[in-house]
Amino acid sequence: MHFKNILADDLGAWSTNGTKKLFYRAASKTKPVMKVGKEYFDDHKNRSVYQAMRMYYRNKSSPDLQKNGYLTGK
């Protein structure tokens, strides 16, 4: 599913209002999921770190109407 599907709601046009990126290390047998810094994500040797990006949208015809969407990936 494409992340822009969140905007398909028959409420008109939406504009991006900002993003926030967070990075997490995947859980293992001995360690729980842990929030880490961007430097761990940039290190290609560390394959168990993932990025979650929260995107904020505002409706163009009704600025009080807002919504959030999440996109995760490696």
PDB file of N, CA and C in Angstrom:
ATOM      1  N   MET A   1       0.844  -1.180   0.000  1.00  0.00           N
ATOM      2  CA  MET A   1       0.000   0.000   0.000  1.00  0.00           C
ATOM      3  C   MET A   1       0.888   1.243   0.000  1.00  0.00           C
ATOM      4  N   HIS A   2       0.575   2.185  -0.836  1.00  0.00           N
ATOM      5  CA  HIS A   2       1.364   3.409  -0.945  1.00  0.00           C
ATOM      6  C   HIS A   2       0.980   4.376   0.168  1.00  0.00           C
ATOM      7  N   PHE A   3       1.967   5.084   0.724  1.00  0.00           N
ATOM      8  CA  PHE A   3       1.704   5.984   1.845  1.00  0.00           C
ATOM      9  C   PHE A   3       0.751   7.122   1.484  1.00  0.00           C
ATOM     10  N   LYS A   4       0.640   7.485   0.225  1.00  0.00           N
ATOM     11  CA  LYS A   4      -0.269   8.572  -0.163  1.00  0.00           C
ATOM     12  C   LYS A   4      -1.729   8.136  -0.164  1.00  0.00           C
ATOM     13  N   ASN A   5      -2.005   6.845   0.032  1.00  0.00           N
ATOM     14  CA  ASN A   5      -3.389   6.377   0.109  1.00  0.00           C
ATOM     15  C   ASN A   5      -4.125   6.989   1.297  1.00  0.00           C
ATOM     16  N   ILE A   6      -3.394   7.442   2.301  1.00  0.00           N
ATOM     17  CA  ILE A   6      -4.033   8.082   3.453  1.00  0.00           C
ATOM     18  C   ILE A   6      -4.758   9.364   3.030  1.00  0.00           C
ATOM     19  N   LEU A   7      -4.359   9.938   1.891  1.00  0.00           N
ATOM     20  CA  LEU A   7      -4.966  11.187   1.429  1.00  0.00           C
ATOM     21  C   LEU A   7      -6.211  10.948   0.575  1.00  0.00           C
ATOM     22  N   ALA A   8      -6.500   9.707   0.217  1.00  0.00           N
ATOM     23  CA  ALA A   8      -7.652   9.386  -0.630  1.00  0.00           C
ATOM     24  C   ALA A   8      -8.899   9.227   0.235  1.00  0.00           C
ATOM     25  N   ASP A   9      -9.530  10.336   0.573  1.00  0.00           N
ATOM     26  CA  ASP A   9     -10.669  10.291   1.495  1.00  0.00           C
ATOM     27  C   ASP A   9     -11.833  11.176   1.042  1.00  0.00           C
ATOM     28  N   ASP A  10     -11.789  11.686  -0.182  1.00  0.00           N
ATOM     29  CA  ASP A  10     -12.845  12.551  -0.734  1.00  0.00           C
ATOM     30  C   ASP A  10     -13.043  13.840   0.066  1.00  0.00           C
ATOM     31  N   LEU A  11     -12.010  14.308   0.751  1.00  0.00           N
ATOM     32  CA  LEU A  11     -12.101  15.561   1.509  1.00  0.00           C
ATOM     33  C   LEU A  11     -11.327  16.691   0.843  1.00  0.00           C
ATOM     34  N   GLY A  12     -10.955  16.521  -0.422  1.00  0.00           N
ATOM     35  CA  GLY A  12     -10.254  17.579  -1.122  1.00  0.00           C
ATOM     36  C   GLY A  12      -8.747  17.403  -1.089  1.00  0.00           C
ATOM     37  N   ALA A  13      -8.042  18.485  -1.379  1.00  0.00           N
ATOM     38  CA  ALA A  13      -6.584  18.454  -1.487  1.00  0.00           C
ATOM     39  C   ALA A  13      -5.922  18.599  -0.123  1.00  0.00           C
ATOM     40  N   TRP A  14      -4.786  17.915   0.049  1.00  0.00           N
ATOM     41  CA  TRP A  14      -4.006  17.967   1.281  1.00  0.00           C
ATOM     42  C   TRP A  14      -2.610  18.475   0.965  1.00  0.00           C
ATOM     43  N   SER A  15      -2.002  19.190   1.891  1.00  0.00           N
ATOM     44  CA  SER A  15      -0.618  19.628   1.727  1.00  0.00           C
ATOM     45  C   SER A  15       0.202  19.091   2.900  1.00  0.00           C
ATOM     46  N   THR A  16       1.463  18.773   2.613  1.00  0.00           N
ATOM     47  CA  THR A  16       2.355  18.277   3.657  1.00  0.00           C
ATOM     48  C   THR A  16       2.688  19.415   4.604  1.00  0.00           C
ATOM     49  N   ASN A  17       2.587  19.132   5.887  1.00  0.00           N
ATOM     50  CA  ASN A  17       2.788  20.154   6.900  1.00  0.00           C
ATOM     51  C   ASN A  17       4.088  19.925   7.676  1.00  0.00           C
ATOM     52  N   GLY A  18       4.770  18.806   7.442  1.00  0.00           N
ATOM     53  CA  GLY A  18       6.015  18.510   8.128  1.00  0.00           C
ATOM     54  C   GLY A  18       6.208  17.018   8.312  1.00  0.00           C
ATOM     55  N   THR A  19       7.412  16.640   8.741  1.00  0.00           N
ATOM     56  CA  THR A  19       7.728  15.243   9.017  1.00  0.00           C
ATOM     57  C   THR A  19       8.565  15.145  10.273  1.00  0.00           C
ATOM     58  N   LYS A  20       8.532  13.969  10.869  1.00  0.00           N
ATOM     59  CA  LYS A  20       9.370  13.686  12.029  1.00  0.00           C
ATOM     60  C   LYS A  20       9.902  12.273  11.851  1.00  0.00           C
ATOM     61  N   LYS A  21      11.229  12.102  11.942  1.00  0.00           N
ATOM     62  CA  LYS A  21      11.847  10.790  11.751  1.00  0.00           C
ATOM     63  C   LYS A  21      12.335  10.249  13.087  1.00  0.00           C
ATOM     64  N   LEU A  22      12.036   8.973  13.325  1.00  0.00           N
ATOM     65  CA  LEU A  22      12.507   8.265  14.510  1.00  0.00           C
ATOM     66  C   LEU A  22      13.190   6.983  14.048  1.00  0.00           C
ATOM     67  N   PHE A  23      14.136   6.493  14.825  1.00  0.00           N
ATOM     68  CA  PHE A  23      14.899   5.302  14.465  1.00  0.00           C
ATOM     69  C   PHE A  23      14.817   4.297  15.607  1.00  0.00           C
ATOM     70  N   TYR A  24      14.605   3.027  15.242  1.00  0.00           N
ATOM     71  CA  TYR A  24      14.441   1.962  16.236  1.00  0.00           C
ATOM     72  C   TYR A  24      15.293   0.757  15.878  1.00  0.00           C
ATOM     73  N   ARG A  25      15.858   0.129  16.906  1.00  0.00           N
ATOM     74  CA  ARG A  25      16.554  -1.134  16.726  1.00  0.00           C
ATOM     75  C   ARG A  25      15.555  -2.248  16.975  1.00  0.00           C
ATOM     76  N   ALA A  26      15.513  -3.223  16.085  1.00  0.00           N
ATOM     77  CA  ALA A  26      14.566  -4.332  16.203  1.00  0.00           C
ATOM     78  C   ALA A  26      14.865  -5.168  17.442  1.00  0.00           C
ATOM     79  N   ALA A  27      13.842  -5.803  17.967  1.00  0.00           N
ATOM     80  CA  ALA A  27      13.990  -6.664  19.141  1.00  0.00           C
ATOM     81  C   ALA A  27      14.765  -7.926  18.767  1.00  0.00           C
ATOM     82  N   SER A  28      15.496  -8.441  19.743  1.00  0.00           N
ATOM     83  CA  SER A  28      16.181  -9.719  19.584  1.00  0.00           C
ATOM     84  C   SER A  28      15.733 -10.630  20.728  1.00  0.00           C
ATOM     85  N   LYS A  29      16.336 -11.788  20.831  1.00  0.00           N
ATOM     86  CA  LYS A  29      15.955 -12.717  21.904  1.00  0.00           C
ATOM     87  C   LYS A  29      16.264 -12.160  23.287  1.00  0.00           C
ATOM     88  N   THR A  30      17.300 -11.330  23.375  1.00  0.00           N
ATOM     89  CA  THR A  30      17.723 -10.826  24.681  1.00  0.00           C
ATOM     90  C   THR A  30      17.447  -9.349  24.909  1.00  0.00           C
ATOM     91  N   LYS A  31      17.138  -8.594  23.833  1.00  0.00           N
ATOM     92  CA  LYS A  31      16.942  -7.148  23.971  1.00  0.00           C
ATOM     93  C   LYS A  31      15.593  -6.732  23.392  1.00  0.00           C
ATOM     94  N   PRO A  32      14.887  -5.818  24.054  1.00  0.00           N
ATOM     95  CA  PRO A  32      13.606  -5.324  23.517  1.00  0.00           C
ATOM     96  C   PRO A  32      13.844  -4.277  22.420  1.00  0.00           C
ATOM     97  N   VAL A  33      12.786  -3.856  21.759  1.00  0.00           N
ATOM     98  CA  VAL A  33      12.870  -2.763  20.782  1.00  0.00           C
ATOM     99  C   VAL A  33      13.408  -1.536  21.501  1.00  0.00           C
ATOM    100  N   MET A  34      14.326  -0.816  20.846  1.00  0.00           N
ATOM    101  CA  MET A  34      14.948   0.337  21.496  1.00  0.00           C
ATOM    102  C   MET A  34      15.061   1.492  20.507  1.00  0.00           C
ATOM    103  N   LYS A  35      14.737   2.688  20.962  1.00  0.00           N
ATOM    104  CA  LYS A  35      14.897   3.898  20.153  1.00  0.00           C
ATOM    105  C   LYS A  35      16.390   4.225  20.096  1.00  0.00           C
ATOM    106  N   VAL A  36      16.899   4.502  18.876  1.00  0.00           N
ATOM    107  CA  VAL A  36      18.319   4.807  18.691  1.00  0.00           C
ATOM    108  C   VAL A  36      18.456   6.091  17.879  1.00  0.00           C
ATOM    109  N   GLY A  37      19.675   6.555  17.732  1.00  0.00           N
ATOM    110  CA  GLY A  37      19.946   7.766  16.975  1.00  0.00           C
ATOM    111  C   GLY A  37      20.141   7.501  15.493  1.00  0.00           C
ATOM    112  N   LYS A  38      20.156   8.563  14.701  1.00  0.00           N
ATOM    113  CA  LYS A  38      20.300   8.466  13.251  1.00  0.00           C
ATOM    114  C   LYS A  38      21.620   7.820  12.857  1.00  0.00           C
ATOM    115  N   GLU A  39      22.662   7.998  13.640  1.00  0.00           N
ATOM    116  CA  GLU A  39      23.970   7.434  13.303  1.00  0.00           C
ATOM    117  C   GLU A  39      23.931   5.906  13.240  1.00  0.00           C
ATOM    118  N   TYR A  40      23.091   5.284  14.035  1.00  0.00           N
ATOM    119  CA  TYR A  40      22.939   3.823  13.970  1.00  0.00           C
ATOM    120  C   TYR A  40      22.235   3.419  12.682  1.00  0.00           C
ATOM    121  N   PHE A  41      21.293   4.210  12.229  1.00  0.00           N
ATOM    122  CA  PHE A  41      20.587   3.936  10.978  1.00  0.00           C
ATOM    123  C   PHE A  41      21.527   4.087   9.783  1.00  0.00           C
ATOM    124  N   ASP A  42      22.386   5.089   9.824  1.00  0.00           N
ATOM    125  CA  ASP A  42      23.313   5.350   8.724  1.00  0.00           C
ATOM    126  C   ASP A  42      24.398   4.290   8.605  1.00  0.00           C
ATOM    127  N   ASP A  43      24.683   3.559   9.686  1.00  0.00           N
ATOM    128  CA  ASP A  43      25.699   2.513   9.669  1.00  0.00           C
ATOM    129  C   ASP A  43      25.119   1.277   8.980  1.00  0.00           C
ATOM    130  N   HIS A  44      25.551   1.007   7.758  1.00  0.00           N
ATOM    131  CA  HIS A  44      24.979  -0.085   6.961  1.00  0.00           C
ATOM    132  C   HIS A  44      25.262  -1.464   7.554  1.00  0.00           C
ATOM    133  N   LYS A  45      26.217  -1.576   8.447  1.00  0.00           N
ATOM    134  CA  LYS A  45      26.507  -2.865   9.082  1.00  0.00           C
ATOM    135  C   LYS A  45      25.397  -3.251  10.050  1.00  0.00           C
ATOM    136  N   ASN A  46      24.691  -2.261  10.561  1.00  0.00           N
ATOM    137  CA  ASN A  46      23.645  -2.507  11.545  1.00  0.00           C
ATOM    138  C   ASN A  46      22.313  -2.696  10.822  1.00  0.00           C
ATOM    139  N   ARG A  47      22.014  -3.918  10.400  1.00  0.00           N
ATOM    140  CA  ARG A  47      20.831  -4.201   9.590  1.00  0.00           C
ATOM    141  C   ARG A  47      19.538  -4.270  10.402  1.00  0.00           C
ATOM    142  N   SER A  48      19.629  -4.217  11.696  1.00  0.00           N
ATOM    143  CA  SER A  48      18.425  -4.351  12.518  1.00  0.00           C
ATOM    144  C   SER A  48      17.839  -3.010  12.953  1.00  0.00           C
ATOM    145  N   VAL A  49      18.281  -1.899  12.342  1.00  0.00           N
ATOM    146  CA  VAL A  49      17.775  -0.571  12.689  1.00  0.00           C
ATOM    147  C   VAL A  49      16.837  -0.089  11.582  1.00  0.00           C
ATOM    148  N   TYR A  50      15.658   0.393  11.988  1.00  0.00           N
ATOM    149  CA  TYR A  50      14.634   0.826  11.041  1.00  0.00           C
ATOM    150  C   TYR A  50      14.219   2.259  11.306  1.00  0.00           C
ATOM    151  N   GLN A  51      13.746   2.916  10.256  1.00  0.00           N
ATOM    152  CA  GLN A  51      13.280   4.301  10.346  1.00  0.00           C
ATOM    153  C   GLN A  51      11.759   4.325  10.309  1.00  0.00           C
ATOM    154  N   ALA A  52      11.164   5.101  11.190  1.00  0.00           N
ATOM    155  CA  ALA A  52       9.724   5.365  11.156  1.00  0.00           C
ATOM    156  C   ALA A  52       9.567   6.861  10.932  1.00  0.00           C
ATOM    157  N   MET A  53       8.796   7.219   9.939  1.00  0.00           N
ATOM    158  CA  MET A  53       8.620   8.634   9.614  1.00  0.00           C
ATOM    159  C   MET A  53       7.139   8.989   9.744  1.00  0.00           C
ATOM    160  N   ARG A  54       6.867   9.968  10.582  1.00  0.00           N
ATOM    161  CA  ARG A  54       5.504  10.461  10.751  1.00  0.00           C
ATOM    162  C   ARG A  54       5.335  11.701   9.893  1.00  0.00           C
ATOM    163  N   MET A  55       4.314  11.682   9.035  1.00  0.00           N
ATOM    164  CA  MET A  55       4.071  12.806   8.126  1.00  0.00           C
ATOM    165  C   MET A  55       2.775  13.498   8.534  1.00  0.00           C
ATOM    166  N   TYR A  56       2.811  14.805   8.564  1.00  0.00           N
ATOM    167  CA  TYR A  56       1.663  15.615   8.965  1.00  0.00           C
ATOM    168  C   TYR A  56       1.063  16.268   7.725  1.00  0.00           C
ATOM    169  N   TYR A  57      -0.264  16.268   7.628  1.00  0.00           N
ATOM    170  CA  TYR A  57      -0.965  16.865   6.498  1.00  0.00           C
ATOM    171  C   TYR A  57      -2.043  17.822   6.993  1.00  0.00           C
ATOM    172  N   ARG A  58      -2.294  18.873   6.198  1.00  0.00           N
ATOM    173  CA  ARG A  58      -3.336  19.858   6.488  1.00  0.00           C
ATOM    174  C   ARG A  58      -4.211  19.988   5.240  1.00  0.00           C
ATOM    175  N   ASN A  59      -5.518  20.022   5.446  1.00  0.00           N
ATOM    176  CA  ASN A  59      -6.456  20.156   4.338  1.00  0.00           C
ATOM    177  C   ASN A  59      -6.386  21.574   3.784  1.00  0.00           C
ATOM    178  N   LYS A  60      -6.288  21.694   2.452  1.00  0.00           N
ATOM    179  CA  LYS A  60      -6.132  23.018   1.832  1.00  0.00           C
ATOM    180  C   LYS A  60      -7.395  23.869   1.925  1.00  0.00           C
ATOM    181  N   SER A  61      -8.574  23.256   1.867  1.00  0.00           N
ATOM    182  CA  SER A  61      -9.803  24.051   1.913  1.00  0.00           C
ATOM    183  C   SER A  61     -10.295  24.280   3.338  1.00  0.00           C
ATOM    184  N   SER A  62      -9.851  23.476   4.292  1.00  0.00           N
ATOM    185  CA  SER A  62     -10.242  23.624   5.695  1.00  0.00           C
ATOM    186  C   SER A  62      -8.997  23.416   6.563  1.00  0.00           C
ATOM    187  N   PRO A  63      -8.205  24.474   6.812  1.00  0.00           N
ATOM    188  CA  PRO A  63      -6.930  24.347   7.511  1.00  0.00           C
ATOM    189  C   PRO A  63      -7.006  23.737   8.914  1.00  0.00           C
ATOM    190  N   ASP A  64      -8.180  23.747   9.528  1.00  0.00           N
ATOM    191  CA  ASP A  64      -8.311  23.141  10.854  1.00  0.00           C
ATOM    192  C   ASP A  64      -8.316  21.614  10.790  1.00  0.00           C
ATOM    193  N   LEU A  65      -8.546  21.064   9.606  1.00  0.00           N
ATOM    194  CA  LEU A  65      -8.596  19.621   9.418  1.00  0.00           C
ATOM    195  C   LEU A  65      -7.187  19.106   9.153  1.00  0.00           C
ATOM    196  N   GLN A  66      -6.693  18.199  10.035  1.00  0.00           N
ATOM    197  CA  GLN A  66      -5.341  17.666   9.930  1.00  0.00           C
ATOM    198  C   GLN A  66      -5.381  16.149  10.038  1.00  0.00           C
ATOM    199  N   LYS A  67      -4.317  15.502   9.529  1.00  0.00           N
ATOM    200  CA  LYS A  67      -4.183  14.066   9.710  1.00  0.00           C
ATOM    201  C   LYS A  67      -2.704  13.693   9.699  1.00  0.00           C
ATOM    202  N   ASN A  68      -2.408  12.520  10.237  1.00  0.00           N
ATOM    203  CA  ASN A  68      -1.038  12.015  10.319  1.00  0.00           C
ATOM    204  C   ASN A  68      -0.956  10.701   9.565  1.00  0.00           C
ATOM    205  N   GLY A  69       0.225  10.408   9.055  1.00  0.00           N
ATOM    206  CA  GLY A  69       0.475   9.136   8.402  1.00  0.00           C
ATOM    207  C   GLY A  69       1.853   8.633   8.794  1.00  0.00           C
ATOM    208  N   TYR A  70       2.023   7.321   8.803  1.00  0.00           N
ATOM    209  CA  TYR A  70       3.306   6.713   9.154  1.00  0.00           C
ATOM    210  C   TYR A  70       3.862   5.954   7.974  1.00  0.00           C
ATOM    211  N   LEU A  71       5.174   6.009   7.833  1.00  0.00           N
ATOM    212  CA  LEU A  71       5.890   5.264   6.817  1.00  0.00           C
ATOM    213  C   LEU A  71       7.089   4.642   7.500  1.00  0.00           C
ATOM    214  N   THR A  72       7.270   3.352   7.369  1.00  0.00           N
ATOM    215  CA  THR A  72       8.406   2.691   7.984  1.00  0.00           C
ATOM    216  C   THR A  72       9.229   2.020   6.904  1.00  0.00           C
ATOM    217  N   GLY A  73      10.483   1.821   7.185  1.00  0.00           N
ATOM    218  CA  GLY A  73      11.354   1.153   6.224  1.00  0.00           C
ATOM    219  C   GLY A  73      12.769   1.081   6.693  1.00  0.00           C
ATOM    220  N   LYS A  74      13.574   0.463   5.907  1.00  0.00           N
ATOM    221  CA  LYS A  74      14.991   0.261   6.207  1.00  0.00           C
ATOM    222  C   LYS A  74      15.781   1.387   5.623  1.00  0.00           C
TER     223      LYS A  74
END
